Amino acid sequence: MSPIVRILAKRLGTSLLVLAGVSMLIFAIARIIPGDPARIALGPNATAEQVANLRAALHLDESIPVQYGYFLKDLSQGDLGVSLYTNRPVTQDIAQFLPATLELVLVAGLLMVVAGLPLGILSARFRGGVTDNIIRMISLLGVSAPSFVWAVILMLIFAFYLPLFPIAGRISDVYAIAPVTGFLLVDTLIAGNFAAFADASWHIMLPAVALALSGIGQAARLTRANMIETYDRPYIEMARSYGFSERRIANRYAFKPSLIPSLTIIGLDFAAMLGNAFLVEAIFAWPGLSRYGVAVILRKDLNAIVGTVLVISATFLIANIIVDLLIAFINPRIRLSRRAS
């Protein structure tokens, strides 16, 4: 068995244990916090008998371990219960709202990589100069404010004062795109409607930039620090002695060893965007899972809370597994070793 396969098997096993722990923790917390889900769902005008019937249907009159047993039984059948917020199966709600959040996070992650890494390379290559100082100032500005602050700033500048971008939603109402994957950027291309693709791209730009700015700054700063450390290695001096250009040294010999720690942080930032996106989604009226998660928490919708947290946790773990595999592939000491730690 190759080292990468062993790493994958180990990470999958660990992730399953983490998901089990998360399910028990969030299941217990959701039931301990104050408030009667049945009363909240039925409203103040419901009779005591109606509330009691709903509590019995939700097994809320049982102990928490017994309720968790019912939850595991339903989960084994792919059933997360019915949402008291939407009166639909939680799996149906997740299938509707998750693609919007994933699309937003994927675009933001792409911006974080294509902007953060090159900025870090330029900053390290011209360290101490004007370019380095400008990039460091921009990076510090990016990490100094949370995503929702940037969302408000970008909306004020580019949607109100300079009406260049739309304020809310994923696409204009004039376009009717049949959902295939749930990702509008993909579905518009499948439909062959390039005008709708451009409109969806225009809608996603501001929230994606707002969500990515902090990660761009962090990726640039970390890449710069790692590359400056790599520049002091003996093999870089040897490359200079052979007459290689600084551009070749930066892109080929200094960047790749510096990529491993940067990639780890980028992966963590990417996964964290799933949980941090709820305020950005609320500001831009983005119909995503994070916004849905906040709504069900405020209404103490137990089934929806547990389902949303589990899906976000699973996506976080999958992102970390992918990063671990990429690091193992990039690092020859892991890829070519006979034993994987």
C-alpha atoms as a PDB file:
ATOM      1  CA  MET A   1       0.000   0.000   0.000  1.00  0.00           C
ATOM      2  CA  SER A   2       1.420   3.374  -1.032  1.00  0.00           C
ATOM      3  CA  PRO A   3       2.010   6.113   1.573  1.00  0.00           C
ATOM      4  CA  ILE A   4      -0.694   8.335   0.068  1.00  0.00           C
ATOM      5  CA  VAL A   5      -3.275   5.529   0.275  1.00  0.00           C
ATOM      6  CA  ARG A   6      -2.309   4.892   3.894  1.00  0.00           C
ATOM      7  CA  ILE A   7      -2.640   8.606   4.662  1.00  0.00           C
ATOM      8  CA  LEU A   8      -6.085   8.626   3.031  1.00  0.00           C
ATOM      9  CA  ALA A   9      -7.241   5.593   5.002  1.00  0.00           C
ATOM     10  CA  LYS A  10      -5.946   7.073   8.260  1.00  0.00           C
ATOM     11  CA  ARG A  11      -7.581  10.447   7.639  1.00  0.00           C
ATOM     12  CA  LEU A  12     -10.901   8.848   6.696  1.00  0.00           C
ATOM     13  CA  GLY A  13     -10.929   6.796   9.883  1.00  0.00           C
ATOM     14  CA  THR A  14     -10.100   9.829  12.004  1.00  0.00           C
ATOM     15  CA  SER A  15     -12.738  11.905  10.227  1.00  0.00           C
ATOM     16  CA  LEU A  16     -15.460   9.343  10.943  1.00  0.00           C
ATOM     17  CA  LEU A  17     -14.576   9.428  14.638  1.00  0.00           C
ATOM     18  CA  VAL A  18     -14.639  13.239  14.602  1.00  0.00           C
ATOM     19  CA  LEU A  19     -18.048  13.260  12.910  1.00  0.00           C
ATOM     20  CA  ALA A  20     -19.389  10.850  15.508  1.00  0.00           C
ATOM     21  CA  GLY A  21     -18.124  13.098  18.285  1.00  0.00           C
ATOM     22  CA  VAL A  22     -19.544  16.213  16.611  1.00  0.00           C
ATOM     23  CA  SER A  23     -22.945  14.557  16.191  1.00  0.00           C
ATOM     24  CA  MET A  24     -23.122  13.635  19.896  1.00  0.00           C
ATOM     25  CA  LEU A  25     -21.935  17.066  21.013  1.00  0.00           C
ATOM     26  CA  ILE A  26     -24.244  19.153  18.844  1.00  0.00           C
ATOM     27  CA  PHE A  27     -27.167  16.781  19.519  1.00  0.00           C
ATOM     28  CA  ALA A  28     -26.781  17.283  23.272  1.00  0.00           C
ATOM     29  CA  ILE A  29     -26.150  21.045  23.079  1.00  0.00           C
ATOM     30  CA  ALA A  30     -29.173  21.623  20.836  1.00  0.00           C
ATOM     31  CA  ARG A  31     -31.393  19.971  23.417  1.00  0.00           C
ATOM     32  CA  ILE A  32     -29.872  21.583  26.475  1.00  0.00           C
ATOM     33  CA  ILE A  33     -30.154  25.226  25.376  1.00  0.00           C
ATOM     34  CA  PRO A  34     -33.273  26.971  26.726  1.00  0.00           C
ATOM     35  CA  GLY A  35     -36.504  26.962  24.756  1.00  0.00           C
ATOM     36  CA  ASP A  36     -39.151  24.435  23.776  1.00  0.00           C
ATOM     37  CA  PRO A  37     -38.813  23.581  20.060  1.00  0.00           C
ATOM     38  CA  ALA A  38     -42.412  22.408  19.902  1.00  0.00           C
ATOM     39  CA  ARG A  39     -43.763  25.636  21.408  1.00  0.00           C
ATOM     40  CA  ILE A  40     -41.507  27.765  19.159  1.00  0.00           C
ATOM     41  CA  ALA A  41     -42.641  25.851  16.064  1.00  0.00           C
ATOM     42  CA  LEU A  42     -46.369  25.976  16.871  1.00  0.00           C
ATOM     43  CA  GLY A  43     -46.421  29.520  18.164  1.00  0.00           C
ATOM     44  CA  PRO A  44     -47.925  31.074  21.279  1.00  0.00           C
ATOM     45  CA  ASN A  45     -51.535  30.325  20.267  1.00  0.00           C
ATOM     46  CA  ALA A  46     -51.084  26.544  20.183  1.00  0.00           C
ATOM     47  CA  THR A  47     -52.827  24.498  22.865  1.00  0.00           C
ATOM     48  CA  ALA A  48     -50.966  22.444  25.435  1.00  0.00           C
ATOM     49  CA  GLU A  49     -52.263  19.278  23.773  1.00  0.00           C
ATOM     50  CA  GLN A  50     -50.861  20.280  20.386  1.00  0.00           C
ATOM     51  CA  VAL A  51     -47.488  21.046  21.952  1.00  0.00           C
ATOM     52  CA  ALA A  52     -47.492  17.707  23.794  1.00  0.00           C
ATOM     53  CA  ASN A  53     -48.319  15.820  20.591  1.00  0.00           C
ATOM     54  CA  LEU A  54     -45.471  17.486  18.701  1.00  0.00           C
ATOM     55  CA  ARG A  55     -43.051  16.814  21.553  1.00  0.00           C
ATOM     56  CA  ALA A  56     -44.037  13.153  21.449  1.00  0.00           C
ATOM     57  CA  ALA A  57     -43.595  13.038  17.668  1.00  0.00           C
ATOM     58  CA  LEU A  58     -40.093  14.509  18.065  1.00  0.00           C
ATOM     59  CA  HIS A  59     -39.313  12.149  20.996  1.00  0.00           C
ATOM     60  CA  LEU A  60     -38.581  15.193  23.155  1.00  0.00           C
ATOM     61  CA  ASP A  61     -40.276  13.540  26.114  1.00  0.00           C
ATOM     62  CA  GLU A  62     -37.577  10.835  26.077  1.00  0.00           C
ATOM     63  CA  SER A  63     -34.092  11.058  27.602  1.00  0.00           C
ATOM     64  CA  ILE A  64     -31.280  12.456  25.477  1.00  0.00           C
ATOM     65  CA  PRO A  65     -29.566   9.046  24.965  1.00  0.00           C
ATOM     66  CA  VAL A  66     -32.863   7.569  23.751  1.00  0.00           C
ATOM     67  CA  GLN A  67     -33.385  10.545  21.417  1.00  0.00           C
ATOM     68  CA  TYR A  68     -29.876  10.052  20.060  1.00  0.00           C
ATOM     69  CA  GLY A  69     -30.683   6.410  19.391  1.00  0.00           C
ATOM     70  CA  TYR A  70     -33.704   7.452  17.314  1.00  0.00           C
ATOM     71  CA  PHE A  71     -31.471   9.946  15.491  1.00  0.00           C
ATOM     72  CA  LEU A  72     -28.861   7.286  14.637  1.00  0.00           C
ATOM     73  CA  LYS A  73     -31.585   4.933  13.418  1.00  0.00           C
ATOM     74  CA  ASP A  74     -32.993   7.586  11.081  1.00  0.00           C
ATOM     75  CA  LEU A  75     -29.508   8.678  10.002  1.00  0.00           C
ATOM     76  CA  SER A  76     -28.643   5.128   8.958  1.00  0.00           C
ATOM     77  CA  GLN A  77     -31.572   5.359   6.535  1.00  0.00           C
ATOM     78  CA  GLY A  78     -30.448   8.732   5.193  1.00  0.00           C
ATOM     79  CA  ASP A  79     -33.172  10.580   7.103  1.00  0.00           C
ATOM     80  CA  LEU A  80     -32.321  13.732   9.075  1.00  0.00           C
ATOM     81  CA  GLY A  81     -35.919  14.399  10.037  1.00  0.00           C
ATOM     82  CA  VAL A  82     -38.276  17.223   9.139  1.00  0.00           C
ATOM     83  CA  SER A  83     -37.386  20.881   9.633  1.00  0.00           C
ATOM     84  CA  LEU A  84     -39.808  22.799  11.848  1.00  0.00           C
ATOM     85  CA  TYR A  85     -38.680  25.965  10.055  1.00  0.00           C
ATOM     86  CA  THR A  86     -39.526  24.965   6.483  1.00  0.00           C
ATOM     87  CA  ASN A  87     -41.778  21.915   7.125  1.00  0.00           C
ATOM     88  CA  ARG A  88     -39.662  19.974   4.645  1.00  0.00           C
ATOM     89  CA  PRO A  89     -37.171  17.129   5.071  1.00  0.00           C
ATOM     90  CA  VAL A  90     -33.825  18.485   6.272  1.00  0.00           C
ATOM     91  CA  THR A  91     -32.049  16.561   3.511  1.00  0.00           C
ATOM     92  CA  GLN A  92     -34.163  18.429   0.951  1.00  0.00           C
ATOM     93  CA  ASP A  93     -33.284  21.776   2.534  1.00  0.00           C
ATOM     94  CA  ILE A  94     -29.577  20.921   2.584  1.00  0.00           C
ATOM     95  CA  ALA A  95     -29.710  19.801  -1.052  1.00  0.00           C
ATOM     96  CA  GLN A  96     -31.259  23.160  -1.953  1.00  0.00           C
ATOM     97  CA  PHE A  97     -29.047  25.495   0.089  1.00  0.00           C
ATOM     98  CA  LEU A  98     -25.671  23.711   0.167  1.00  0.00           C
ATOM     99  CA  PRO A  99     -24.721  24.217  -3.520  1.00  0.00           C
ATOM    100  CA  ALA A 100     -25.071  28.009  -3.184  1.00  0.00           C
ATOM    101  CA  THR A 101     -22.684  28.104  -0.223  1.00  0.00           C
ATOM    102  CA  LEU A 102     -20.239  25.679  -1.838  1.00  0.00           C
ATOM    103  CA  GLU A 103     -20.204  27.718  -5.035  1.00  0.00           C
ATOM    104  CA  LEU A 104     -19.519  30.907  -3.083  1.00  0.00           C
ATOM    105  CA  VAL A 105     -16.771  29.265  -1.012  1.00  0.00           C
ATOM    106  CA  LEU A 106     -15.148  27.638  -4.048  1.00  0.00           C
ATOM    107  CA  VAL A 107     -14.969  30.953  -5.925  1.00  0.00           C
ATOM    108  CA  ALA A 108     -13.621  32.672  -2.801  1.00  0.00           C
ATOM    109  CA  GLY A 109     -11.052  29.895  -2.355  1.00  0.00           C
ATOM    110  CA  LEU A 110      -9.975  30.236  -5.983  1.00  0.00           C
ATOM    111  CA  LEU A 111      -9.517  33.986  -5.497  1.00  0.00           C
ATOM    112  CA  MET A 112      -7.528  33.308  -2.339  1.00  0.00           C
ATOM    113  CA  VAL A 113      -5.115  31.031  -4.218  1.00  0.00           C
ATOM    114  CA  VAL A 114      -4.711  32.996  -7.461  1.00  0.00           C
ATOM    115  CA  ALA A 115      -4.245  36.304  -5.608  1.00  0.00           C
ATOM    116  CA  GLY A 116      -2.621  35.372  -2.291  1.00  0.00           C
ATOM    117  CA  LEU A 117       0.174  33.119  -3.548  1.00  0.00           C
ATOM    118  CA  PRO A 118       1.426  35.426  -6.356  1.00  0.00           C
ATOM    119  CA  LEU A 119       1.339  38.407  -3.984  1.00  0.00           C
ATOM    120  CA  GLY A 120       3.446  36.438  -1.492  1.00  0.00           C
ATOM    121  CA  ILE A 121       5.930  35.485  -4.207  1.00  0.00           C
ATOM    122  CA  LEU A 122       6.289  39.086  -5.391  1.00  0.00           C
ATOM    123  CA  SER A 123       6.649  40.355  -1.843  1.00  0.00           C
ATOM    124  CA  ALA A 124       9.410  37.847  -1.058  1.00  0.00           C
ATOM    125  CA  ARG A 125      11.196  38.413  -4.361  1.00  0.00           C
ATOM    126  CA  PHE A 126      11.333  42.185  -3.863  1.00  0.00           C
ATOM    127  CA  ARG A 127      11.607  42.156  -0.073  1.00  0.00           C
ATOM    128  CA  GLY A 128      12.485  45.471   1.466  1.00  0.00           C
ATOM    129  CA  GLY A 129      11.430  47.391  -1.632  1.00  0.00           C
ATOM    130  CA  VAL A 130       8.403  49.438  -2.592  1.00  0.00           C
ATOM    131  CA  THR A 131       6.538  46.413  -3.997  1.00  0.00           C
ATOM    132  CA  ASP A 132       7.112  44.452  -0.805  1.00  0.00           C
ATOM    133  CA  ASN A 133       5.904  47.317   1.378  1.00  0.00           C
ATOM    134  CA  ILE A 134       2.748  47.859  -0.694  1.00  0.00           C
ATOM    135  CA  ILE A 135       1.870  44.146  -0.668  1.00  0.00           C
ATOM    136  CA  ARG A 136       2.519  43.872   3.063  1.00  0.00           C
ATOM    137  CA  MET A 137       0.249  46.855   3.701  1.00  0.00           C
ATOM    138  CA  ILE A 138      -2.500  45.353   1.535  1.00  0.00           C
ATOM    139  CA  SER A 139      -2.129  41.974   3.252  1.00  0.00           C
ATOM    140  CA  LEU A 140      -2.294  43.520   6.701  1.00  0.00           C
ATOM    141  CA  LEU A 141      -5.371  45.473   5.666  1.00  0.00           C
ATOM    142  CA  GLY A 142      -6.989  42.272   4.414  1.00  0.00           C
ATOM    143  CA  VAL A 143      -6.522  40.323   7.652  1.00  0.00           C
ATOM    144  CA  SER A 144      -7.341  43.261   9.923  1.00  0.00           C
ATOM    145  CA  ALA A 145     -11.099  43.159   9.307  1.00  0.00           C
ATOM    146  CA  PRO A 146     -13.548  40.221   9.254  1.00  0.00           C
ATOM    147  CA  SER A 147     -15.396  39.196   6.115  1.00  0.00           C
ATOM    148  CA  PHE A 148     -18.702  40.837   6.996  1.00  0.00           C
ATOM    149  CA  VAL A 149     -16.973  44.225   7.394  1.00  0.00           C
ATOM    150  CA  TRP A 150     -15.484  43.894   3.923  1.00  0.00           C
ATOM    151  CA  ALA A 151     -18.913  42.833   2.652  1.00  0.00           C
ATOM    152  CA  VAL A 152     -20.462  46.070   3.910  1.00  0.00           C
ATOM    153  CA  ILE A 153     -17.568  48.179   2.569  1.00  0.00           C
ATOM    154  CA  LEU A 154     -17.651  46.547  -0.862  1.00  0.00           C
ATOM    155  CA  MET A 155     -21.419  46.877  -1.059  1.00  0.00           C
ATOM    156  CA  LEU A 156     -21.292  50.567  -0.165  1.00  0.00           C
ATOM    157  CA  ILE A 157     -18.554  51.321  -2.701  1.00  0.00           C
ATOM    158  CA  PHE A 158     -19.382  49.065  -5.656  1.00  0.00           C
ATOM    159  CA  ALA A 159     -23.150  48.665  -5.317  1.00  0.00           C
ATOM    160  CA  PHE A 160     -24.347  52.024  -3.963  1.00  0.00           C
ATOM    161  CA  TYR A 161     -21.832  54.762  -4.742  1.00  0.00           C
ATOM    162  CA  LEU A 162     -20.534  53.037  -7.883  1.00  0.00           C
ATOM    163  CA  PRO A 163     -23.448  50.848  -9.038  1.00  0.00           C
ATOM    164  CA  LEU A 164     -21.284  48.332 -10.833  1.00  0.00           C
ATOM    165  CA  PHE A 165     -22.384  45.128  -9.102  1.00  0.00           C
ATOM    166  CA  PRO A 166     -25.783  43.779  -8.009  1.00  0.00           C
ATOM    167  CA  ILE A 167     -26.696  43.987  -4.348  1.00  0.00           C
ATOM    168  CA  ALA A 168     -28.396  40.675  -3.642  1.00  0.00           C
ATOM    169  CA  GLY A 169     -29.187  37.224  -4.968  1.00  0.00           C
ATOM    170  CA  ARG A 170     -27.380  34.750  -7.201  1.00  0.00           C
ATOM    171  CA  ILE A 171     -28.798  35.742 -10.597  1.00  0.00           C
ATOM    172  CA  SER A 172     -31.209  38.255 -12.106  1.00  0.00           C
ATOM    173  CA  ASP A 173     -34.892  37.348 -12.250  1.00  0.00           C
ATOM    174  CA  VAL A 174     -34.974  37.592 -16.046  1.00  0.00           C
ATOM    175  CA  TYR A 175     -33.038  34.315 -16.315  1.00  0.00           C
ATOM    176  CA  ALA A 176     -34.747  30.980 -15.681  1.00  0.00           C
ATOM    177  CA  ILE A 177     -32.098  28.288 -15.364  1.00  0.00           C
ATOM    178  CA  ALA A 178     -33.134  24.696 -14.775  1.00  0.00           C
ATOM    179  CA  PRO A 179     -31.167  23.335 -11.789  1.00  0.00           C
ATOM    180  CA  VAL A 180     -28.889  20.436 -12.699  1.00  0.00           C
ATOM    181  CA  THR A 181     -25.995  20.598 -10.258  1.00  0.00           C
ATOM    182  CA  GLY A 182     -27.217  23.478  -8.086  1.00  0.00           C
ATOM    183  CA  PHE A 183     -24.097  25.469  -9.030  1.00  0.00           C
ATOM    184  CA  LEU A 184     -25.386  28.341 -11.141  1.00  0.00           C
ATOM    185  CA  LEU A 185     -22.036  28.936 -12.821  1.00  0.00           C
ATOM    186  CA  VAL A 186     -22.098  25.323 -13.998  1.00  0.00           C
ATOM    187  CA  ASP A 187     -25.815  25.099 -14.773  1.00  0.00           C
ATOM    188  CA  THR A 188     -25.717  28.229 -16.956  1.00  0.00           C
ATOM    189  CA  LEU A 189     -22.887  26.718 -18.996  1.00  0.00           C
ATOM    190  CA  ILE A 190     -24.767  23.412 -19.279  1.00  0.00           C
ATOM    191  CA  ALA A 191     -27.784  25.346 -20.558  1.00  0.00           C
ATOM    192  CA  GLY A 192     -25.538  27.173 -23.019  1.00  0.00           C
ATOM    193  CA  ASN A 193     -26.760  30.525 -21.717  1.00  0.00           C
ATOM    194  CA  PHE A 194     -23.598  32.615 -21.608  1.00  0.00           C
ATOM    195  CA  ALA A 195     -25.469  35.803 -20.770  1.00  0.00           C
ATOM    196  CA  ALA A 196     -26.843  34.093 -17.655  1.00  0.00           C
ATOM    197  CA  PHE A 197     -23.337  32.816 -16.834  1.00  0.00           C
ATOM    198  CA  ALA A 198     -21.981  36.357 -17.004  1.00  0.00           C
ATOM    199  CA  ASP A 199     -24.841  37.601 -14.835  1.00  0.00           C
ATOM    200  CA  ALA A 200     -24.265  34.853 -12.219  1.00  0.00           C
ATOM    201  CA  SER A 201     -20.522  35.611 -12.239  1.00  0.00           C
ATOM    202  CA  TRP A 202     -21.306  39.309 -11.682  1.00  0.00           C
ATOM    203  CA  HIS A 203     -23.587  38.456  -8.739  1.00  0.00           C
ATOM    204  CA  ILE A 204     -21.059  36.205  -7.011  1.00  0.00           C
ATOM    205  CA  MET A 205     -18.079  38.534  -7.360  1.00  0.00           C
ATOM    206  CA  LEU A 206     -18.658  40.922  -4.430  1.00  0.00           C
ATOM    207  CA  PRO A 207     -19.566  38.283  -1.797  1.00  0.00           C
ATOM    208  CA  ALA A 208     -16.697  36.058  -2.967  1.00  0.00           C
ATOM    209  CA  VAL A 209     -14.165  38.893  -2.733  1.00  0.00           C
ATOM    210  CA  ALA A 210     -15.476  39.881   0.709  1.00  0.00           C
ATOM    211  CA  LEU A 211     -15.136  36.288   1.887  1.00  0.00           C
ATOM    212  CA  ALA A 212     -11.671  35.853   0.348  1.00  0.00           C
ATOM    213  CA  LEU A 213      -9.925  39.083   1.378  1.00  0.00           C
ATOM    214  CA  SER A 214      -8.834  37.863   4.794  1.00  0.00           C
ATOM    215  CA  GLY A 215      -7.525  34.601   3.316  1.00  0.00           C
ATOM    216  CA  ILE A 216      -5.713  36.464   0.537  1.00  0.00           C
ATOM    217  CA  GLY A 217      -3.862  38.580   3.088  1.00  0.00           C
ATOM    218  CA  GLN A 218      -2.986  35.596   5.228  1.00  0.00           C
ATOM    219  CA  ALA A 219      -1.823  33.512   2.261  1.00  0.00           C
ATOM    220  CA  ALA A 220       0.349  36.373   0.983  1.00  0.00           C
ATOM    221  CA  ARG A 221       1.941  36.997   4.385  1.00  0.00           C
ATOM    222  CA  LEU A 222       2.632  33.320   5.034  1.00  0.00           C
ATOM    223  CA  THR A 223       3.999  32.680   1.539  1.00  0.00           C
ATOM    224  CA  ARG A 224       6.305  35.682   1.873  1.00  0.00           C
ATOM    225  CA  ALA A 225       7.629  34.531   5.262  1.00  0.00           C
ATOM    226  CA  ASN A 226       8.222  30.969   4.058  1.00  0.00           C
ATOM    227  CA  MET A 227       9.921  32.060   0.846  1.00  0.00           C
ATOM    228  CA  ILE A 228      12.226  34.475   2.671  1.00  0.00           C
ATOM    229  CA  GLU A 229      13.259  31.588   4.914  1.00  0.00           C
ATOM    230  CA  THR A 230      13.792  29.398   1.844  1.00  0.00           C
ATOM    231  CA  TYR A 231      15.925  32.073   0.173  1.00  0.00           C
ATOM    232  CA  ASP A 232      18.508  31.576   2.927  1.00  0.00           C
ATOM    233  CA  ARG A 233      18.956  27.894   2.070  1.00  0.00           C
ATOM    234  CA  PRO A 234      22.269  26.784   0.480  1.00  0.00           C
ATOM    235  CA  TYR A 235      20.670  25.408  -2.691  1.00  0.00           C
ATOM    236  CA  ILE A 236      19.271  28.870  -3.498  1.00  0.00           C
ATOM    237  CA  GLU A 237      22.781  30.322  -3.318  1.00  0.00           C
ATOM    238  CA  MET A 238      23.966  27.494  -5.549  1.00  0.00           C
ATOM    239  CA  ALA A 239      21.234  28.300  -8.083  1.00  0.00           C
ATOM    240  CA  ARG A 240      22.361  31.927  -8.097  1.00  0.00           C
ATOM    241  CA  SER A 241      25.951  30.853  -8.597  1.00  0.00           C
ATOM    242  CA  TYR A 242      24.865  28.948 -11.718  1.00  0.00           C
ATOM    243  CA  GLY A 243      23.467  32.187 -13.100  1.00  0.00           C
ATOM    244  CA  PHE A 244      19.766  31.333 -12.911  1.00  0.00           C
ATOM    245  CA  SER A 245      17.453  34.339 -13.101  1.00  0.00           C
ATOM    246  CA  GLU A 246      15.718  35.549  -9.953  1.00  0.00           C
ATOM    247  CA  ARG A 247      12.360  34.833 -11.538  1.00  0.00           C
ATOM    248  CA  ARG A 248      13.306  31.211 -12.171  1.00  0.00           C
ATOM    249  CA  ILE A 249      14.727  30.847  -8.666  1.00  0.00           C
ATOM    250  CA  ALA A 250      11.553  32.290  -7.127  1.00  0.00           C
ATOM    251  CA  ASN A 251       9.061  30.274  -9.168  1.00  0.00           C
ATOM    252  CA  ARG A 252      10.913  26.974  -9.428  1.00  0.00           C
ATOM    253  CA  TYR A 253      13.243  26.576  -6.464  1.00  0.00           C
ATOM    254  CA  ALA A 254      11.881  28.788  -3.669  1.00  0.00           C
ATOM    255  CA  PHE A 255       8.128  28.605  -4.146  1.00  0.00           C
ATOM    256  CA  LYS A 256       7.538  24.842  -4.056  1.00  0.00           C
ATOM    257  CA  PRO A 257       9.186  24.185  -0.655  1.00  0.00           C
ATOM    258  CA  SER A 258       7.355  27.226   0.715  1.00  0.00           C
ATOM    259  CA  LEU A 259       4.014  26.013  -0.613  1.00  0.00           C
ATOM    260  CA  ILE A 260       3.515  23.231   1.955  1.00  0.00           C
ATOM    261  CA  PRO A 261       2.850  25.388   5.066  1.00  0.00           C
ATOM    262  CA  SER A 262       0.957  27.925   2.952  1.00  0.00           C
ATOM    263  CA  LEU A 263      -1.235  25.187   1.520  1.00  0.00           C
ATOM    264  CA  THR A 264      -2.063  23.957   5.018  1.00  0.00           C
ATOM    265  CA  ILE A 265      -3.289  27.381   6.113  1.00  0.00           C
ATOM    266  CA  ILE A 266      -5.156  27.934   2.845  1.00  0.00           C
ATOM    267  CA  GLY A 267      -6.941  24.620   3.342  1.00  0.00           C
ATOM    268  CA  LEU A 268      -7.955  25.560   6.875  1.00  0.00           C
ATOM    269  CA  ASP A 269      -9.108  29.013   5.746  1.00  0.00           C
ATOM    270  CA  PHE A 270     -11.091  27.472   2.898  1.00  0.00           C
ATOM    271  CA  ALA A 271     -12.848  25.048   5.226  1.00  0.00           C
ATOM    272  CA  ALA A 272     -13.492  27.796   7.792  1.00  0.00           C
ATOM    273  CA  MET A 273     -15.268  29.863   5.113  1.00  0.00           C
ATOM    274  CA  LEU A 274     -18.207  27.473   5.312  1.00  0.00           C
ATOM    275  CA  GLY A 275     -18.916  28.568   8.850  1.00  0.00           C
ATOM    276  CA  ASN A 276     -17.866  32.193   8.386  1.00  0.00           C
ATOM    277  CA  ALA A 277     -20.042  32.750   5.331  1.00  0.00           C
ATOM    278  CA  PHE A 278     -23.304  33.265   7.194  1.00  0.00           C
ATOM    279  CA  LEU A 279     -22.899  37.033   7.707  1.00  0.00           C
ATOM    280  CA  VAL A 280     -21.735  37.558   4.122  1.00  0.00           C
ATOM    281  CA  GLU A 281     -24.720  35.531   2.917  1.00  0.00           C
ATOM    282  CA  ALA A 282     -27.048  37.588   5.112  1.00  0.00           C
ATOM    283  CA  ILE A 283     -25.656  40.905   3.801  1.00  0.00           C
ATOM    284  CA  PHE A 284     -25.924  39.890   0.140  1.00  0.00           C
ATOM    285  CA  ALA A 285     -29.173  37.888   0.605  1.00  0.00           C
ATOM    286  CA  TRP A 286     -27.324  34.821  -0.636  1.00  0.00           C
ATOM    287  CA  PRO A 287     -29.569  31.741  -0.297  1.00  0.00           C
ATOM    288  CA  GLY A 288     -26.921  29.455   1.167  1.00  0.00           C
ATOM    289  CA  LEU A 289     -26.622  26.840   3.883  1.00  0.00           C
ATOM    290  CA  SER A 290     -24.843  29.131   6.339  1.00  0.00           C
ATOM    291  CA  ARG A 291     -27.721  31.622   6.257  1.00  0.00           C
ATOM    292  CA  TYR A 292     -30.176  28.745   6.609  1.00  0.00           C
ATOM    293  CA  GLY A 293     -28.191  27.447   9.591  1.00  0.00           C
ATOM    294  CA  VAL A 294     -28.494  30.738  11.461  1.00  0.00           C
ATOM    295  CA  ALA A 295     -32.243  30.822  10.810  1.00  0.00           C
ATOM    296  CA  VAL A 296     -32.817  27.322  12.215  1.00  0.00           C
ATOM    297  CA  ILE A 297     -30.629  28.032  15.257  1.00  0.00           C
ATOM    298  CA  LEU A 298     -32.718  31.090  16.124  1.00  0.00           C
ATOM    299  CA  ARG A 299     -35.860  28.913  15.923  1.00  0.00           C
ATOM    300  CA  LYS A 300     -34.256  25.980  17.761  1.00  0.00           C
ATOM    301  CA  ASP A 301     -35.078  23.658  14.875  1.00  0.00           C
ATOM    302  CA  LEU A 302     -33.306  20.606  16.306  1.00  0.00           C
ATOM    303  CA  ASN A 303     -33.258  18.384  13.225  1.00  0.00           C
ATOM    304  CA  ALA A 304     -32.081  21.188  10.953  1.00  0.00           C
ATOM    305  CA  ILE A 305     -29.412  22.321  13.439  1.00  0.00           C
ATOM    306  CA  VAL A 306     -27.868  18.858  13.709  1.00  0.00           C
ATOM    307  CA  GLY A 307     -28.080  18.242   9.960  1.00  0.00           C
ATOM    308  CA  THR A 308     -26.514  21.582   9.059  1.00  0.00           C
ATOM    309  CA  VAL A 309     -23.657  21.235  11.541  1.00  0.00           C
ATOM    310  CA  LEU A 310     -22.924  17.686  10.389  1.00  0.00           C
ATOM    311  CA  VAL A 311     -22.799  18.710   6.724  1.00  0.00           C
ATOM    312  CA  ILE A 312     -20.526  21.692   7.438  1.00  0.00           C
ATOM    313  CA  SER A 313     -18.286  19.496   9.634  1.00  0.00           C
ATOM    314  CA  ALA A 314     -18.098  16.801   6.948  1.00  0.00           C
ATOM    315  CA  THR A 315     -17.186  19.394   4.311  1.00  0.00           C
ATOM    316  CA  PHE A 316     -14.524  20.835   6.642  1.00  0.00           C
ATOM    317  CA  LEU A 317     -13.016  17.363   7.136  1.00  0.00           C
ATOM    318  CA  ILE A 318     -13.110  16.584   3.399  1.00  0.00           C
ATOM    319  CA  ALA A 319     -11.266  19.837   2.665  1.00  0.00           C
ATOM    320  CA  ASN A 320      -8.584  18.924   5.210  1.00  0.00           C
ATOM    321  CA  ILE A 321      -8.206  15.432   3.727  1.00  0.00           C
ATOM    322  CA  ILE A 322      -7.720  16.940   0.261  1.00  0.00           C
ATOM    323  CA  VAL A 323      -5.080  19.316   1.640  1.00  0.00           C
ATOM    324  CA  ASP A 324      -3.259  16.438   3.360  1.00  0.00           C
ATOM    325  CA  LEU A 325      -3.223  14.489   0.092  1.00  0.00           C
ATOM    326  CA  LEU A 326      -1.933  17.505  -1.847  1.00  0.00           C
ATOM    327  CA  ILE A 327       0.843  18.020   0.694  1.00  0.00           C
ATOM    328  CA  ALA A 328       1.742  14.340   0.519  1.00  0.00           C
ATOM    329  CA  PHE A 329       1.886  14.575  -3.272  1.00  0.00           C
ATOM    330  CA  ILE A 330       3.960  17.772  -3.285  1.00  0.00           C
ATOM    331  CA  ASN A 331       6.399  16.658  -0.584  1.00  0.00           C
ATOM    332  CA  PRO A 332       8.640  13.911  -2.026  1.00  0.00           C
ATOM    333  CA  ARG A 333       9.704  12.814   1.456  1.00  0.00           C
ATOM    334  CA  ILE A 334       6.117  11.683   2.044  1.00  0.00           C
ATOM    335  CA  ARG A 335       5.285  10.588  -1.492  1.00  0.00           C
ATOM    336  CA  LEU A 336       8.381   8.445  -1.948  1.00  0.00           C
ATOM    337  CA  SER A 337       8.765   7.106   1.573  1.00  0.00           C
ATOM    338  CA  ARG A 338       8.080   3.464   2.364  1.00  0.00           C
ATOM    339  CA  ARG A 339       6.439   4.273   5.648  1.00  0.00           C
ATOM    340  CA  ALA A 340       3.757   6.951   6.196  1.00  0.00           C
ATOM    341  CA  SER A 341       3.446   8.491   9.569  1.00  0.00           C
END
